[in-house]
Amino acid sequence: MKNTKYFVIALFFLFSINSIAQIKTELVTYSDGDVTLEGYIAYDESVKDKMPAVIIIHDWMGVGSFVKEKAEAIAKLGYVGFAADIYGKDNRPKDSQEAGKLAGMFKNDRALMRKRVNLALEEIKKKSIVNPDKIAVMGYCFGGTVALELSRSGADVKGAVSFHGGLDTPTPQDAKNIKGKVLVLHGGDDPFVPREQVAAFEKEMKDAGVDYQLFIYSGAVHSFTNPAAGNDNSKGAAYNEKADKRSWEAMKTFFKEIF
């Protein structure tokens, strides 16, 4: 009996070790004319079939540890995670002042924003491990805005997810171009995305007949998924553990549905 018990335990650990995802990561270089873009890809190399892919758009600080960790987390769910680069390899903000200028430049030039994120879409479709018919996009803060603009551009993506992202657009009529579903995860007390902007977004989606979902998390402000934002809501941006976990679960359910 004792030996049988140890044998069962040994089998359990063997199974657990073999079932651990073999996550591979690598930098991906692509370009927009003379501008070099450098993204980050993560996937389970033990999977032999083509996988759905999720493009992940960084916040205003650009491609860094936060968005790379999200790419790896997406890979552990069984998808290919691709942290795309909107700013360019040589544009990595050193502080919030630089980040604000860069994000502002793209927010004021939606054509360029859409071009850069569509280049990321084209790049991930080239990967042999990716099922080109099953691609979604998600983004954080600035990246949430970009994710929605990719959908508004008419790109062939199954869905778009915005985590505490800006919801405004200079061309709300472009919502008619959206081909996939939309999920917005929003902090109820976010001072940077006021209720009027949320209401305008809902009208935009309804007028275009888009299949969308809007989750509002009470007590959460901007950047609620990022621990680096601290915990002081009075600053307008702060981490909220409940909203972080709930929004991630909502995203997982959304991806299961569209894929």
Protein backbone atom coordinates (compact mmCIF):
# COMPACT_ATOMS: atom_id res chain seq x y z
CA MET A 1 0.00 0.00 0.00
CA LYS A 2 2.81 2.36 0.93
CA ASN A 3 4.65 1.70 -2.33
CA THR A 4 1.43 2.22 -4.28
CA LYS A 5 0.99 5.60 -2.59
CA TYR A 6 4.51 6.72 -3.59
CA PHE A 7 3.94 5.45 -7.12
CA VAL A 8 0.78 7.56 -7.45
CA ILE A 9 2.59 10.61 -6.12
CA ALA A 10 5.47 10.05 -8.54
CA LEU A 11 3.04 9.78 -11.45
CA PHE A 12 1.33 12.98 -10.36
CA PHE A 13 4.56 14.98 -10.33
CA LEU A 14 5.67 13.45 -13.63
CA PHE A 15 2.39 14.46 -15.22
CA SER A 16 2.64 17.96 -13.72
CA ILE A 17 6.16 18.47 -15.06
CA ASN A 18 5.21 17.27 -18.53
CA SER A 19 2.12 19.46 -18.60
CA ILE A 20 4.02 22.68 -17.83
CA ALA A 21 3.97 24.98 -20.85
CA GLN A 22 7.32 25.32 -22.59
CA ILE A 23 7.18 29.06 -23.17
CA LYS A 24 9.62 30.41 -25.72
CA THR A 25 10.23 34.13 -26.10
CA GLU A 26 12.09 36.15 -28.69
CA LEU A 27 12.38 39.66 -30.06
CA VAL A 28 10.70 40.38 -33.38
CA THR A 29 12.07 43.11 -35.62
CA TYR A 30 9.95 44.61 -38.38
CA SER A 31 9.70 48.07 -39.90
CA ASP A 32 7.64 51.03 -41.02
CA GLY A 33 9.78 52.46 -43.80
CA ASP A 34 12.97 53.72 -42.17
CA VAL A 35 11.59 53.20 -38.66
CA THR A 36 12.63 49.95 -37.00
CA LEU A 37 10.01 48.38 -34.76
CA GLU A 38 10.90 45.77 -32.16
CA GLY A 39 8.21 43.61 -30.60
CA TYR A 40 8.29 40.58 -28.33
CA ILE A 41 6.69 37.22 -28.99
CA ALA A 42 5.88 34.41 -26.56
CA TYR A 43 4.39 30.99 -27.25
CA ASP A 44 4.33 27.40 -26.04
CA GLU A 45 6.78 25.61 -28.31
CA SER A 46 5.41 22.21 -27.27
CA VAL A 47 2.23 22.94 -29.23
CA LYS A 48 2.49 21.61 -32.77
CA ASP A 49 -0.77 22.96 -34.20
CA LYS A 50 -1.24 26.54 -35.37
CA MET A 51 -2.43 28.70 -32.50
CA PRO A 52 -4.66 31.75 -32.16
CA ALA A 53 -2.63 34.93 -31.61
CA VAL A 54 -3.20 37.97 -29.45
CA ILE A 55 -1.49 41.25 -30.31
CA ILE A 56 -0.77 43.17 -27.10
CA ILE A 57 -0.32 46.93 -27.28
CA HIS A 58 1.80 48.67 -24.66
CA ASP A 59 0.81 51.58 -22.46
CA TRP A 60 2.34 55.03 -22.94
CA MET A 61 5.71 53.83 -21.64
CA GLY A 62 6.28 51.66 -24.71
CA VAL A 63 7.50 48.08 -24.97
CA GLY A 64 8.83 47.11 -21.54
CA SER A 65 8.62 44.49 -18.82
CA PHE A 66 4.90 44.99 -18.17
CA VAL A 67 3.70 44.24 -21.70
CA LYS A 68 6.29 41.47 -22.15
CA GLU A 69 4.96 39.74 -19.03
CA LYS A 70 1.46 40.00 -20.47
CA ALA A 71 2.66 38.34 -23.69
CA GLU A 72 4.04 35.45 -21.63
CA ALA A 73 0.79 35.20 -19.65
CA ILE A 74 -1.16 35.02 -22.90
CA ALA A 75 1.18 32.27 -24.12
CA LYS A 76 0.41 30.25 -20.98
CA LEU A 77 -3.26 30.35 -21.96
CA GLY A 78 -2.42 28.52 -25.17
CA TYR A 79 -2.18 31.46 -27.54
CA VAL A 80 0.69 33.27 -29.23
CA GLY A 81 1.31 36.53 -27.39
CA PHE A 82 2.82 39.33 -29.47
CA ALA A 83 3.77 42.57 -27.71
CA ALA A 84 3.76 44.97 -30.65
CA ASP A 85 5.80 48.15 -30.91
CA ILE A 86 3.91 51.31 -31.86
CA TYR A 87 6.59 53.88 -31.02
CA GLY A 88 9.66 52.33 -32.67
CA LYS A 89 12.77 50.63 -31.30
CA ASP A 90 14.58 53.93 -30.75
CA ASN A 91 11.65 55.47 -28.88
CA ARG A 92 11.62 54.07 -25.36
CA PRO A 93 10.38 56.83 -23.00
CA LYS A 94 12.57 57.52 -19.99
CA ASP A 95 9.80 59.16 -17.97
CA SER A 96 6.15 60.17 -18.06
CA GLN A 97 6.96 63.46 -19.77
CA GLU A 98 8.53 61.71 -22.76
CA ALA A 99 5.77 59.10 -22.72
CA GLY A 100 3.11 61.79 -22.81
CA LYS A 101 4.67 63.43 -25.86
CA LEU A 102 4.92 60.16 -27.76
CA ALA A 103 1.43 58.97 -26.88
CA GLY A 104 0.05 62.40 -27.73
CA MET A 105 1.72 62.35 -31.14
CA PHE A 106 -0.04 59.11 -32.06
CA LYS A 107 -3.37 60.13 -30.54
CA ASN A 108 -3.27 63.22 -32.73
CA ASP A 109 -2.36 61.16 -35.80
CA ARG A 110 -4.79 58.25 -35.88
CA ALA A 111 -3.71 57.36 -39.42
CA LEU A 112 -0.17 56.70 -38.20
CA MET A 113 -1.47 54.86 -35.15
CA ARG A 114 -3.56 52.58 -37.34
CA LYS A 115 -0.69 52.05 -39.75
CA ARG A 116 1.68 50.92 -36.99
CA VAL A 117 -0.78 48.50 -35.41
CA ASN A 118 -1.77 47.08 -38.81
CA LEU A 119 1.92 46.43 -39.47
CA ALA A 120 1.96 44.38 -36.25
CA LEU A 121 -1.03 42.43 -37.52
CA GLU A 122 0.72 41.73 -40.82
CA GLU A 123 3.86 40.65 -38.95
CA ILE A 124 2.17 38.14 -36.66
CA LYS A 125 0.25 36.63 -39.58
CA LYS A 126 3.60 35.66 -41.12
CA LYS A 127 4.49 33.36 -38.23
CA SER A 128 4.14 29.67 -39.06
CA ILE A 129 2.86 28.95 -35.53
CA VAL A 130 -0.10 31.33 -35.93
CA ASN A 131 -3.55 30.61 -37.28
CA PRO A 132 -4.08 33.77 -39.36
CA ASP A 133 -7.86 33.40 -39.11
CA LYS A 134 -7.81 33.60 -35.31
CA ILE A 135 -6.19 36.84 -34.21
CA ALA A 136 -7.29 39.32 -31.56
CA VAL A 137 -5.84 42.52 -30.16
CA MET A 138 -5.69 43.88 -26.62
CA GLY A 139 -4.07 46.91 -25.05
CA TYR A 140 -3.45 48.84 -21.86
CA CYS A 141 -4.18 52.57 -21.41
CA PHE A 142 -2.73 54.07 -24.62
CA GLY A 143 -2.70 50.52 -25.95
CA GLY A 144 -6.43 50.16 -25.34
CA THR A 145 -7.01 53.13 -27.62
CA VAL A 146 -4.77 51.54 -30.26
CA ALA A 147 -6.57 48.19 -30.02
CA LEU A 148 -9.91 49.87 -30.69
CA GLU A 149 -8.47 51.87 -33.59
CA LEU A 150 -7.23 48.64 -35.20
CA SER A 151 -10.80 47.35 -35.16
CA ARG A 152 -12.18 50.67 -36.42
CA SER A 153 -9.73 50.49 -39.33
CA GLY A 154 -11.57 47.41 -40.60
CA ALA A 155 -8.77 44.98 -39.77
CA ASP A 156 -9.66 41.31 -39.85
CA VAL A 157 -9.43 40.55 -36.13
CA LYS A 158 -11.81 38.39 -34.14
CA GLY A 159 -11.92 40.76 -31.21
CA ALA A 160 -10.45 43.78 -29.44
CA VAL A 161 -9.95 44.24 -25.70
CA SER A 162 -9.25 47.54 -23.98
CA PHE A 163 -7.92 47.63 -20.41
CA HIS A 164 -8.48 51.11 -18.94
CA GLY A 165 -7.94 52.59 -22.40
CA GLY A 166 -9.11 55.83 -23.97
CA LEU A 167 -12.40 55.26 -25.80
CA ASP A 168 -12.62 58.45 -27.86
CA THR A 169 -11.94 58.67 -31.58
CA PRO A 170 -12.08 61.51 -34.11
CA THR A 171 -13.94 59.21 -36.52
CA PRO A 172 -16.74 57.42 -34.62
CA GLN A 173 -18.40 56.65 -37.96
CA ASP A 174 -15.57 54.15 -38.57
CA ALA A 175 -17.15 51.81 -36.04
CA LYS A 176 -19.14 50.45 -38.98
CA ASN A 177 -15.86 48.88 -40.17
CA ILE A 178 -15.48 46.72 -37.07
CA LYS A 179 -15.56 43.04 -38.03
CA GLY A 180 -15.04 41.38 -34.66
CA LYS A 181 -16.35 41.72 -31.12
CA VAL A 182 -15.25 44.34 -28.59
CA LEU A 183 -14.60 44.11 -24.86
CA VAL A 184 -13.94 47.22 -22.78
CA LEU A 185 -12.68 46.88 -19.21
CA HIS A 186 -13.02 50.24 -17.50
CA GLY A 187 -12.37 51.73 -14.08
CA GLY A 188 -15.54 53.32 -12.73
CA ASP A 189 -13.61 56.21 -11.17
CA ASP A 190 -11.13 56.75 -14.03
CA PRO A 191 -10.69 60.56 -14.31
CA PHE A 192 -8.92 60.27 -17.66
CA VAL A 193 -11.85 58.50 -19.33
CA PRO A 194 -14.89 60.37 -17.97
CA ARG A 195 -18.47 59.14 -18.12
CA GLU A 196 -19.22 61.36 -21.10
CA GLN A 197 -16.54 59.56 -23.11
CA VAL A 198 -17.91 56.18 -22.05
CA ALA A 199 -21.43 57.22 -23.07
CA ALA A 200 -20.18 58.46 -26.46
CA PHE A 201 -18.38 55.14 -27.00
CA GLU A 202 -21.53 53.16 -26.19
CA LYS A 203 -23.52 55.26 -28.66
CA GLU A 204 -20.82 54.72 -31.29
CA MET A 205 -20.97 50.95 -30.83
CA LYS A 206 -24.77 50.80 -30.76
CA ASP A 207 -25.16 52.99 -33.84
CA ALA A 208 -22.78 50.70 -35.75
CA GLY A 209 -24.41 47.50 -34.49
CA VAL A 210 -21.18 46.24 -32.93
CA ASP A 211 -21.24 43.21 -30.62
CA TYR A 212 -19.61 44.82 -27.58
CA GLN A 213 -19.32 44.36 -23.82
CA LEU A 214 -18.49 47.01 -21.24
CA PHE A 215 -17.34 46.04 -17.75
CA ILE A 216 -17.09 48.84 -15.19
CA TYR A 217 -15.16 48.16 -11.99
CA SER A 218 -16.22 50.20 -8.99
CA GLY A 219 -13.50 51.96 -7.05
CA ALA A 220 -10.96 51.50 -9.86
CA VAL A 221 -9.15 54.36 -11.56
CA HIS A 222 -6.76 54.47 -14.50
CA SER A 223 -3.99 51.82 -14.79
CA PHE A 224 -5.82 49.46 -12.44
CA THR A 225 -3.95 46.40 -13.81
CA ASN A 226 -0.45 47.76 -13.18
CA PRO A 227 1.08 47.31 -9.70
CA ALA A 228 3.69 49.94 -10.60
CA ALA A 229 0.91 52.55 -10.54
CA GLY A 230 0.85 52.41 -6.73
CA ASN A 231 -2.29 52.41 -4.61
CA ASP A 232 -3.26 56.07 -4.28
CA ASN A 233 -6.52 56.59 -6.17
CA SER A 234 -6.27 60.35 -5.65
CA LYS A 235 -3.53 60.44 -8.28
CA GLY A 236 -5.97 59.21 -10.91
CA ALA A 237 -3.94 56.10 -11.69
CA ALA A 238 -3.54 53.24 -9.21
CA TYR A 239 -3.47 49.46 -9.00
CA ASN A 240 -6.65 47.65 -7.97
CA GLU A 241 -6.20 43.95 -7.31
CA LYS A 242 -9.87 43.04 -7.59
CA ALA A 243 -10.33 44.89 -10.87
CA ASP A 244 -7.09 43.43 -12.19
CA LYS A 245 -8.16 39.83 -11.50
CA ARG A 246 -11.75 40.31 -12.60
CA SER A 247 -10.78 41.99 -15.87
CA TRP A 248 -8.28 39.21 -16.68
CA GLU A 249 -10.98 36.58 -16.14
CA ALA A 250 -13.36 38.56 -18.37
CA MET A 251 -10.67 38.66 -21.06
CA LYS A 252 -10.11 34.90 -20.82
CA THR A 253 -13.81 34.23 -21.26
CA PHE A 254 -13.92 36.61 -24.21
CA PHE A 255 -11.02 34.89 -25.97
CA LYS A 256 -12.58 31.46 -25.43
CA GLU A 257 -15.72 32.75 -27.09
CA ILE A 258 -14.13 34.37 -30.15
CA PHE A 259 -11.53 31.62 -30.74
